[in-house]
Amino acid sequence: MGVVDVSVVIPAYNEELRIPATLAALTDRLPQRLGSFEVLVVDDGSDDATVEVVSGHPDARVRVLTQEQNLGKGAALRAGIGAARGDVVVLLDADLPVDVNQIADLVDAAAGADLVVGSRRLPGSSVDPPQPLVRRVGGGVFIRLVRVMGYGVTSDPQCGVKVLRAATVAPIAVSTSTDGFAFDAELIDRCRRNRLQVLDRPVAWRHVEGSTLRPFRDVLRTLGELWRLRSDRPVAVAPAPRPVP
């Protein structure tokens, strides 16, 4: 398979139960809105049957990239972006938290931007079911702390759906240094420091049980990654010139 229009990159760790429904929805419904596409699942050292489930999917547009060890979401996304063949790359959580049509809307928005970041915190966004108050407050505190450290992030940098233009953002993405959940903030910050166009877009988010995220521990670890990076943030790789529409 050569270059495709859109690559959907999904980091996965022990997702054998949730990934089948996600792959079915993407392969059944994405063709209605987009051109040629591929779905690249990056297995992050799972110890369940995630690799076998993805490898056995009947649609040839689905492929799996395996990492022998559990390195983290950032490492998985970096590997997936580096291996993606699409002109546009969608970064998506394994539980498919947004409707396929919304993914297509974000892809359309990328025609006028380099990076489009979904948000659960903008007017017009929704979360079903609503997150607990402690989770909402904790998320807001996290974003404030990230900004205090000097990172230029969007309203919801950890939202699990983003769209990027490969020509301008992929060189920056593959040069990031954080392996865990700090990848998102580092990527957005680097794009803005390189004067790329970053758009913040509301999404209708639906919660799906089974996440491997450990809120307290993972938030502390993410803040620690960003704290260590903040004093030595290298200039990102200069992106290629944007094509004239």
C-alpha atoms as a PDB file:
ATOM      1  CA  MET A   1       0.000   0.000   0.000  1.00  0.00           C
ATOM      2  CA  GLY A   2       1.368   3.419  -0.915  1.00  0.00           C
ATOM      3  CA  VAL A   3       0.509   6.835   0.455  1.00  0.00           C
ATOM      4  CA  VAL A   4      -3.093   7.220   1.601  1.00  0.00           C
ATOM      5  CA  ASP A   5      -5.176  10.298   2.345  1.00  0.00           C
ATOM      6  CA  VAL A   6      -5.683   9.654   6.063  1.00  0.00           C
ATOM      7  CA  SER A   7      -3.890   7.507   8.633  1.00  0.00           C
ATOM      8  CA  VAL A   8      -5.677   6.781  11.921  1.00  0.00           C
ATOM      9  CA  VAL A   9      -3.082   6.013  14.610  1.00  0.00           C
ATOM     10  CA  ILE A  10      -4.338   4.281  17.753  1.00  0.00           C
ATOM     11  CA  PRO A  11      -2.057   3.578  20.739  1.00  0.00           C
ATOM     12  CA  ALA A  12      -3.177   0.391  22.483  1.00  0.00           C
ATOM     13  CA  TYR A  13      -2.220  -1.320  25.710  1.00  0.00           C
ATOM     14  CA  ASN A  14      -4.269  -4.393  26.680  1.00  0.00           C
ATOM     15  CA  GLU A  15      -7.214  -3.365  24.483  1.00  0.00           C
ATOM     16  CA  GLU A  16      -8.381  -6.793  23.277  1.00  0.00           C
ATOM     17  CA  LEU A  17     -11.926  -6.139  24.539  1.00  0.00           C
ATOM     18  CA  ARG A  18     -12.462  -2.590  23.270  1.00  0.00           C
ATOM     19  CA  ILE A  19     -10.479  -2.481  20.023  1.00  0.00           C
ATOM     20  CA  PRO A  20     -12.760  -4.761  17.921  1.00  0.00           C
ATOM     21  CA  ALA A  21     -15.719  -2.362  18.117  1.00  0.00           C
ATOM     22  CA  THR A  22     -13.454   0.590  17.311  1.00  0.00           C
ATOM     23  CA  LEU A  23     -11.979  -1.093  14.244  1.00  0.00           C
ATOM     24  CA  ALA A  24     -15.431  -2.141  13.032  1.00  0.00           C
ATOM     25  CA  ALA A  25     -16.793   1.413  13.348  1.00  0.00           C
ATOM     26  CA  LEU A  26     -13.806   2.949  11.583  1.00  0.00           C
ATOM     27  CA  THR A  27     -13.673   0.518   8.669  1.00  0.00           C
ATOM     28  CA  ASP A  28     -17.459   0.552   8.195  1.00  0.00           C
ATOM     29  CA  ARG A  29     -18.068   4.292   8.406  1.00  0.00           C
ATOM     30  CA  LEU A  30     -14.924   6.266   7.609  1.00  0.00           C
ATOM     31  CA  PRO A  31     -15.222   5.632   3.844  1.00  0.00           C
ATOM     32  CA  GLN A  32     -18.480   7.593   3.837  1.00  0.00           C
ATOM     33  CA  ARG A  33     -16.664  10.845   4.606  1.00  0.00           C
ATOM     34  CA  LEU A  34     -12.993  10.459   3.751  1.00  0.00           C
ATOM     35  CA  GLY A  35     -10.836   9.282   0.884  1.00  0.00           C
ATOM     36  CA  SER A  36      -8.384   6.412   1.110  1.00  0.00           C
ATOM     37  CA  PHE A  37      -7.308   5.584   4.644  1.00  0.00           C
ATOM     38  CA  GLU A  38      -5.469   3.172   6.889  1.00  0.00           C
ATOM     39  CA  VAL A  39      -5.863   2.286  10.564  1.00  0.00           C
ATOM     40  CA  LEU A  40      -2.556   1.730  12.339  1.00  0.00           C
ATOM     41  CA  VAL A  41      -2.809   0.250  15.836  1.00  0.00           C
ATOM     42  CA  VAL A  42       0.416   0.603  17.813  1.00  0.00           C
ATOM     43  CA  ASP A  43       0.526  -2.115  20.453  1.00  0.00           C
ATOM     44  CA  ASP A  44       2.436  -0.786  23.440  1.00  0.00           C
ATOM     45  CA  GLY A  45       3.755  -4.050  24.866  1.00  0.00           C
ATOM     46  CA  SER A  46       0.364  -5.586  25.692  1.00  0.00           C
ATOM     47  CA  ASP A  47       0.262  -8.857  27.591  1.00  0.00           C
ATOM     48  CA  ASP A  48      -3.220  -9.783  26.344  1.00  0.00           C
ATOM     49  CA  ALA A  49      -4.417 -10.686  22.828  1.00  0.00           C
ATOM     50  CA  THR A  50      -4.485  -7.143  21.405  1.00  0.00           C
ATOM     51  CA  VAL A  51      -1.943  -7.950  18.670  1.00  0.00           C
ATOM     52  CA  GLU A  52      -3.760 -11.122  17.634  1.00  0.00           C
ATOM     53  CA  VAL A  53      -7.130  -9.364  17.542  1.00  0.00           C
ATOM     54  CA  VAL A  54      -5.851  -6.536  15.342  1.00  0.00           C
ATOM     55  CA  SER A  55      -3.779  -8.837  13.114  1.00  0.00           C
ATOM     56  CA  GLY A  56      -6.836 -10.980  12.536  1.00  0.00           C
ATOM     57  CA  HIS A  57      -9.061  -8.128  11.393  1.00  0.00           C
ATOM     58  CA  PRO A  58     -10.340  -8.919   7.884  1.00  0.00           C
ATOM     59  CA  ASP A  59      -9.927  -5.400   6.455  1.00  0.00           C
ATOM     60  CA  ALA A  60      -6.531  -5.014   4.768  1.00  0.00           C
ATOM     61  CA  ARG A  61      -6.470  -1.322   5.660  1.00  0.00           C
ATOM     62  CA  VAL A  62      -5.955  -2.270   9.304  1.00  0.00           C
ATOM     63  CA  ARG A  63      -2.409  -3.025  10.387  1.00  0.00           C
ATOM     64  CA  VAL A  64      -0.552  -3.374  13.665  1.00  0.00           C
ATOM     65  CA  LEU A  65       2.820  -2.077  14.785  1.00  0.00           C
ATOM     66  CA  THR A  66       4.220  -3.771  17.878  1.00  0.00           C
ATOM     67  CA  GLN A  67       6.504  -2.521  20.618  1.00  0.00           C
ATOM     68  CA  GLU A  68       8.043  -5.281  22.698  1.00  0.00           C
ATOM     69  CA  GLN A  69       7.907  -3.268  25.935  1.00  0.00           C
ATOM     70  CA  ASN A  70       5.268  -1.035  27.478  1.00  0.00           C
ATOM     71  CA  LEU A  71       6.927   2.337  26.841  1.00  0.00           C
ATOM     72  CA  GLY A  72       3.952   4.678  27.153  1.00  0.00           C
ATOM     73  CA  LYS A  73       1.366   6.509  25.083  1.00  0.00           C
ATOM     74  CA  GLY A  74       3.836   9.077  23.764  1.00  0.00           C
ATOM     75  CA  ALA A  75       6.273   6.453  22.562  1.00  0.00           C
ATOM     76  CA  ALA A  76       3.453   4.570  20.846  1.00  0.00           C
ATOM     77  CA  LEU A  77       2.130   7.688  19.107  1.00  0.00           C
ATOM     78  CA  ARG A  78       5.615   8.727  18.027  1.00  0.00           C
ATOM     79  CA  ALA A  79       6.168   5.308  16.452  1.00  0.00           C
ATOM     80  CA  GLY A  80       2.753   5.373  14.797  1.00  0.00           C
ATOM     81  CA  ILE A  81       3.202   8.855  13.333  1.00  0.00           C
ATOM     82  CA  GLY A  82       6.598   7.827  12.008  1.00  0.00           C
ATOM     83  CA  ALA A  83       5.100   4.776  10.291  1.00  0.00           C
ATOM     84  CA  ALA A  84       1.914   6.466   9.017  1.00  0.00           C
ATOM     85  CA  ARG A  85       1.473   6.779   5.241  1.00  0.00           C
ATOM     86  CA  GLY A  86      -1.264   9.385   5.210  1.00  0.00           C
ATOM     87  CA  ASP A  87      -1.051  13.054   4.279  1.00  0.00           C
ATOM     88  CA  VAL A  88      -3.256  13.633   7.326  1.00  0.00           C
ATOM     89  CA  VAL A  89      -2.843  11.696  10.580  1.00  0.00           C
ATOM     90  CA  VAL A  90      -5.583  11.197  13.157  1.00  0.00           C
ATOM     91  CA  LEU A  91      -4.492  10.368  16.712  1.00  0.00           C
ATOM     92  CA  LEU A  92      -7.284   8.469  18.419  1.00  0.00           C
ATOM     93  CA  ASP A  93      -7.864   6.672  21.720  1.00  0.00           C
ATOM     94  CA  ALA A  94      -8.581   2.954  21.435  1.00  0.00           C
ATOM     95  CA  ASP A  95     -12.107   3.217  22.866  1.00  0.00           C
ATOM     96  CA  LEU A  96     -13.305   5.537  20.032  1.00  0.00           C
ATOM     97  CA  PRO A  97     -14.560   8.291  22.383  1.00  0.00           C
ATOM     98  CA  VAL A  98     -15.986  10.452  19.576  1.00  0.00           C
ATOM     99  CA  ASP A  99     -18.322   9.685  16.695  1.00  0.00           C
ATOM    100  CA  VAL A 100     -16.768   8.844  13.335  1.00  0.00           C
ATOM    101  CA  ASN A 101     -18.453  11.854  11.751  1.00  0.00           C
ATOM    102  CA  GLN A 102     -16.719  14.134  14.251  1.00  0.00           C
ATOM    103  CA  ILE A 103     -13.387  12.640  13.244  1.00  0.00           C
ATOM    104  CA  ALA A 104     -14.180  13.530   9.650  1.00  0.00           C
ATOM    105  CA  ASP A 105     -15.117  17.085  10.729  1.00  0.00           C
ATOM    106  CA  LEU A 106     -11.745  17.487  12.454  1.00  0.00           C
ATOM    107  CA  VAL A 107      -9.999  16.175   9.343  1.00  0.00           C
ATOM    108  CA  ASP A 108     -11.848  18.800   7.301  1.00  0.00           C
ATOM    109  CA  ALA A 109     -10.679  21.488   9.766  1.00  0.00           C
ATOM    110  CA  ALA A 110      -7.073  20.377   9.214  1.00  0.00           C
ATOM    111  CA  ALA A 111      -7.315  21.750   5.670  1.00  0.00           C
ATOM    112  CA  GLY A 112      -6.774  25.182   7.240  1.00  0.00           C
ATOM    113  CA  ALA A 113      -4.435  24.241  10.074  1.00  0.00           C
ATOM    114  CA  ASP A 114      -1.433  22.123  10.953  1.00  0.00           C
ATOM    115  CA  LEU A 115      -2.786  20.600  14.166  1.00  0.00           C
ATOM    116  CA  VAL A 116      -6.408  20.303  15.292  1.00  0.00           C
ATOM    117  CA  VAL A 117      -6.974  19.377  18.954  1.00  0.00           C
ATOM    118  CA  GLY A 118     -10.304  18.098  20.231  1.00  0.00           C
ATOM    119  CA  SER A 119     -11.581  19.624  23.459  1.00  0.00           C
ATOM    120  CA  ARG A 120     -14.078  18.622  26.144  1.00  0.00           C
ATOM    121  CA  ARG A 121     -13.787  22.083  27.734  1.00  0.00           C
ATOM    122  CA  LEU A 122     -14.985  24.499  25.046  1.00  0.00           C
ATOM    123  CA  PRO A 123     -18.498  25.876  24.540  1.00  0.00           C
ATOM    124  CA  GLY A 124     -20.299  23.381  22.321  1.00  0.00           C
ATOM    125  CA  SER A 125     -18.497  20.368  23.747  1.00  0.00           C
ATOM    126  CA  SER A 126     -20.157  17.643  25.819  1.00  0.00           C
ATOM    127  CA  VAL A 127     -19.166  14.637  27.919  1.00  0.00           C
ATOM    128  CA  ASP A 128     -21.539  11.680  28.337  1.00  0.00           C
ATOM    129  CA  PRO A 129     -21.777  10.667  31.096  1.00  0.00           C
ATOM    130  CA  PRO A 130     -20.437  13.803  32.815  1.00  0.00           C
ATOM    131  CA  GLN A 131     -17.097  13.364  34.502  1.00  0.00           C
ATOM    132  CA  PRO A 132     -17.100  13.380  38.322  1.00  0.00           C
ATOM    133  CA  LEU A 133     -16.484  16.799  39.891  1.00  0.00           C
ATOM    134  CA  VAL A 134     -13.114  15.680  41.270  1.00  0.00           C
ATOM    135  CA  ARG A 135     -12.009  14.618  37.767  1.00  0.00           C
ATOM    136  CA  ARG A 136     -13.148  17.912  36.205  1.00  0.00           C
ATOM    137  CA  VAL A 137     -11.465  20.035  38.878  1.00  0.00           C
ATOM    138  CA  GLY A 138      -8.321  17.912  38.730  1.00  0.00           C
ATOM    139  CA  GLY A 139      -8.157  18.308  34.958  1.00  0.00           C
ATOM    140  CA  GLY A 140      -8.452  22.068  35.252  1.00  0.00           C
ATOM    141  CA  VAL A 141      -5.696  22.216  37.873  1.00  0.00           C
ATOM    142  CA  PHE A 142      -3.480  20.053  35.664  1.00  0.00           C
ATOM    143  CA  ILE A 143      -3.856  22.409  32.697  1.00  0.00           C
ATOM    144  CA  ARG A 144      -3.108  25.452  34.876  1.00  0.00           C
ATOM    145  CA  LEU A 145       0.052  23.834  36.225  1.00  0.00           C
ATOM    146  CA  VAL A 146       1.179  22.956  32.694  1.00  0.00           C
ATOM    147  CA  ARG A 147       0.708  26.586  31.656  1.00  0.00           C
ATOM    148  CA  VAL A 148       2.535  27.844  34.757  1.00  0.00           C
ATOM    149  CA  MET A 149       5.489  25.731  33.607  1.00  0.00           C
ATOM    150  CA  GLY A 150       5.470  27.721  30.376  1.00  0.00           C
ATOM    151  CA  TYR A 151       3.820  25.303  27.959  1.00  0.00           C
ATOM    152  CA  GLY A 152       1.551  26.793  25.322  1.00  0.00           C
ATOM    153  CA  VAL A 153      -1.247  24.229  25.372  1.00  0.00           C
ATOM    154  CA  THR A 154      -4.866  24.281  24.236  1.00  0.00           C
ATOM    155  CA  SER A 155      -7.973  24.124  26.452  1.00  0.00           C
ATOM    156  CA  ASP A 156      -7.816  20.310  26.715  1.00  0.00           C
ATOM    157  CA  PRO A 157      -4.401  19.019  25.637  1.00  0.00           C
ATOM    158  CA  GLN A 158      -4.988  15.480  26.934  1.00  0.00           C
ATOM    159  CA  CYS A 159      -8.140  14.955  24.840  1.00  0.00           C
ATOM    160  CA  GLY A 160      -7.763  11.674  22.968  1.00  0.00           C
ATOM    161  CA  VAL A 161      -8.488  12.901  19.452  1.00  0.00           C
ATOM    162  CA  LYS A 162      -6.178  15.104  17.380  1.00  0.00           C
ATOM    163  CA  VAL A 163      -5.560  15.603  13.669  1.00  0.00           C
ATOM    164  CA  LEU A 164      -2.259  16.692  12.178  1.00  0.00           C
ATOM    165  CA  ARG A 165      -0.851  17.428   8.754  1.00  0.00           C
ATOM    166  CA  ALA A 166       2.011  15.030   8.164  1.00  0.00           C
ATOM    167  CA  ALA A 167       4.133  17.428   6.108  1.00  0.00           C
ATOM    168  CA  THR A 168       4.398  20.049   8.846  1.00  0.00           C
ATOM    169  CA  VAL A 169       3.756  18.289  12.181  1.00  0.00           C
ATOM    170  CA  ALA A 170       5.170  14.776  11.748  1.00  0.00           C
ATOM    171  CA  PRO A 171       8.827  15.961  11.841  1.00  0.00           C
ATOM    172  CA  ILE A 172       8.075  17.708  15.132  1.00  0.00           C
ATOM    173  CA  ALA A 173       6.118  14.773  16.558  1.00  0.00           C
ATOM    174  CA  VAL A 174       8.833  12.202  15.910  1.00  0.00           C
ATOM    175  CA  SER A 175      11.425  14.466  17.559  1.00  0.00           C
ATOM    176  CA  THR A 176       9.532  14.728  20.868  1.00  0.00           C
ATOM    177  CA  SER A 177      11.255  13.266  23.901  1.00  0.00           C
ATOM    178  CA  THR A 178       8.476  12.337  26.357  1.00  0.00           C
ATOM    179  CA  ASP A 179       7.227   8.752  26.286  1.00  0.00           C
ATOM    180  CA  GLY A 180       4.146   9.018  28.501  1.00  0.00           C
ATOM    181  CA  PHE A 181       1.036  11.203  28.623  1.00  0.00           C
ATOM    182  CA  ALA A 182       3.180  14.361  28.524  1.00  0.00           C
ATOM    183  CA  PHE A 183       3.552  13.780  24.772  1.00  0.00           C
ATOM    184  CA  ASP A 184       0.359  15.741  24.039  1.00  0.00           C
ATOM    185  CA  ALA A 185       1.435  18.919  25.823  1.00  0.00           C
ATOM    186  CA  GLU A 186       4.948  18.690  24.385  1.00  0.00           C
ATOM    187  CA  LEU A 187       3.619  18.289  20.840  1.00  0.00           C
ATOM    188  CA  ILE A 188       1.191  21.212  21.073  1.00  0.00           C
ATOM    189  CA  ASP A 189       3.819  23.442  22.674  1.00  0.00           C
ATOM    190  CA  ARG A 190       6.412  22.605  20.020  1.00  0.00           C
ATOM    191  CA  CYS A 191       3.940  23.288  17.212  1.00  0.00           C
ATOM    192  CA  ARG A 192       3.116  26.705  18.624  1.00  0.00           C
ATOM    193  CA  ARG A 193       6.768  27.578  19.179  1.00  0.00           C
ATOM    194  CA  ASN A 194       7.336  26.733  15.519  1.00  0.00           C
ATOM    195  CA  ARG A 195       4.494  29.122  14.623  1.00  0.00           C
ATOM    196  CA  LEU A 196       2.307  26.410  13.199  1.00  0.00           C
ATOM    197  CA  GLN A 197      -1.455  26.867  13.114  1.00  0.00           C
ATOM    198  CA  VAL A 198      -3.063  25.030  16.054  1.00  0.00           C
ATOM    199  CA  LEU A 199      -6.857  24.893  16.269  1.00  0.00           C
ATOM    200  CA  ASP A 200      -8.926  24.054  19.365  1.00  0.00           C
ATOM    201  CA  ARG A 201     -12.242  22.358  18.495  1.00  0.00           C
ATOM    202  CA  PRO A 202     -15.131  21.176  20.721  1.00  0.00           C
ATOM    203  CA  VAL A 203     -16.131  17.509  20.620  1.00  0.00           C
ATOM    204  CA  ALA A 204     -18.989  15.412  21.951  1.00  0.00           C
ATOM    205  CA  TRP A 205     -17.143  12.946  24.157  1.00  0.00           C
ATOM    206  CA  ARG A 206     -18.553   9.640  25.316  1.00  0.00           C
ATOM    207  CA  HIS A 207     -17.031   7.754  28.209  1.00  0.00           C
ATOM    208  CA  VAL A 208     -16.273   4.063  27.661  1.00  0.00           C
ATOM    209  CA  GLU A 209     -15.350   1.852  30.608  1.00  0.00           C
ATOM    210  CA  GLY A 210     -12.059  -0.014  30.652  1.00  0.00           C
ATOM    211  CA  SER A 211      -9.436   2.738  30.466  1.00  0.00           C
ATOM    212  CA  THR A 212      -5.946   1.812  31.666  1.00  0.00           C
ATOM    213  CA  LEU A 213      -5.370   5.430  32.807  1.00  0.00           C
ATOM    214  CA  ARG A 214      -4.564   5.745  36.527  1.00  0.00           C
ATOM    215  CA  PRO A 215      -5.565   9.371  37.162  1.00  0.00           C
ATOM    216  CA  PHE A 216      -3.558  10.262  40.273  1.00  0.00           C
ATOM    217  CA  ARG A 217      -0.351   8.411  39.459  1.00  0.00           C
ATOM    218  CA  ASP A 218      -0.371   9.209  35.747  1.00  0.00           C
ATOM    219  CA  VAL A 219      -1.067  12.921  36.316  1.00  0.00           C
ATOM    220  CA  LEU A 220       1.859  13.188  38.737  1.00  0.00           C
ATOM    221  CA  ARG A 221       4.091  11.299  36.325  1.00  0.00           C
ATOM    222  CA  THR A 222       3.026  13.567  33.443  1.00  0.00           C
ATOM    223  CA  LEU A 223       3.725  16.719  35.428  1.00  0.00           C
ATOM    224  CA  GLY A 224       7.099  15.272  36.381  1.00  0.00           C
ATOM    225  CA  GLU A 225       7.944  14.596  32.725  1.00  0.00           C
ATOM    226  CA  LEU A 226       7.029  18.146  31.762  1.00  0.00           C
ATOM    227  CA  TRP A 227       8.940  19.635  34.695  1.00  0.00           C
ATOM    228  CA  ARG A 228      12.110  17.803  33.694  1.00  0.00           C
ATOM    229  CA  LEU A 229      11.668  18.861  30.061  1.00  0.00           C
ATOM    230  CA  ARG A 230      10.852  22.520  30.660  1.00  0.00           C
ATOM    231  CA  SER A 231      14.397  23.751  31.312  1.00  0.00           C
ATOM    232  CA  ASP A 232      15.840  21.993  28.271  1.00  0.00           C
ATOM    233  CA  ARG A 233      13.198  22.136  25.556  1.00  0.00           C
ATOM    234  CA  PRO A 234      15.075  21.906  22.250  1.00  0.00           C
ATOM    235  CA  VAL A 235      13.852  23.816  19.246  1.00  0.00           C
ATOM    236  CA  ALA A 236      11.652  21.498  17.239  1.00  0.00           C
ATOM    237  CA  VAL A 237      12.595  20.314  13.780  1.00  0.00           C
ATOM    238  CA  ALA A 238      11.745  23.035  11.274  1.00  0.00           C
ATOM    239  CA  PRO A 239       8.601  21.968   9.376  1.00  0.00           C
ATOM    240  CA  ALA A 240       8.396  21.882   5.616  1.00  0.00           C
ATOM    241  CA  PRO A 241       6.713  24.895   3.983  1.00  0.00           C
ATOM    242  CA  ARG A 242       2.935  24.648   3.890  1.00  0.00           C
ATOM    243  CA  PRO A 243       1.556  23.985   0.417  1.00  0.00           C
ATOM    244  CA  VAL A 244      -0.474  26.740  -1.176  1.00  0.00           C
ATOM    245  CA  PRO A 245      -4.176  25.686  -1.298  1.00  0.00           C
END
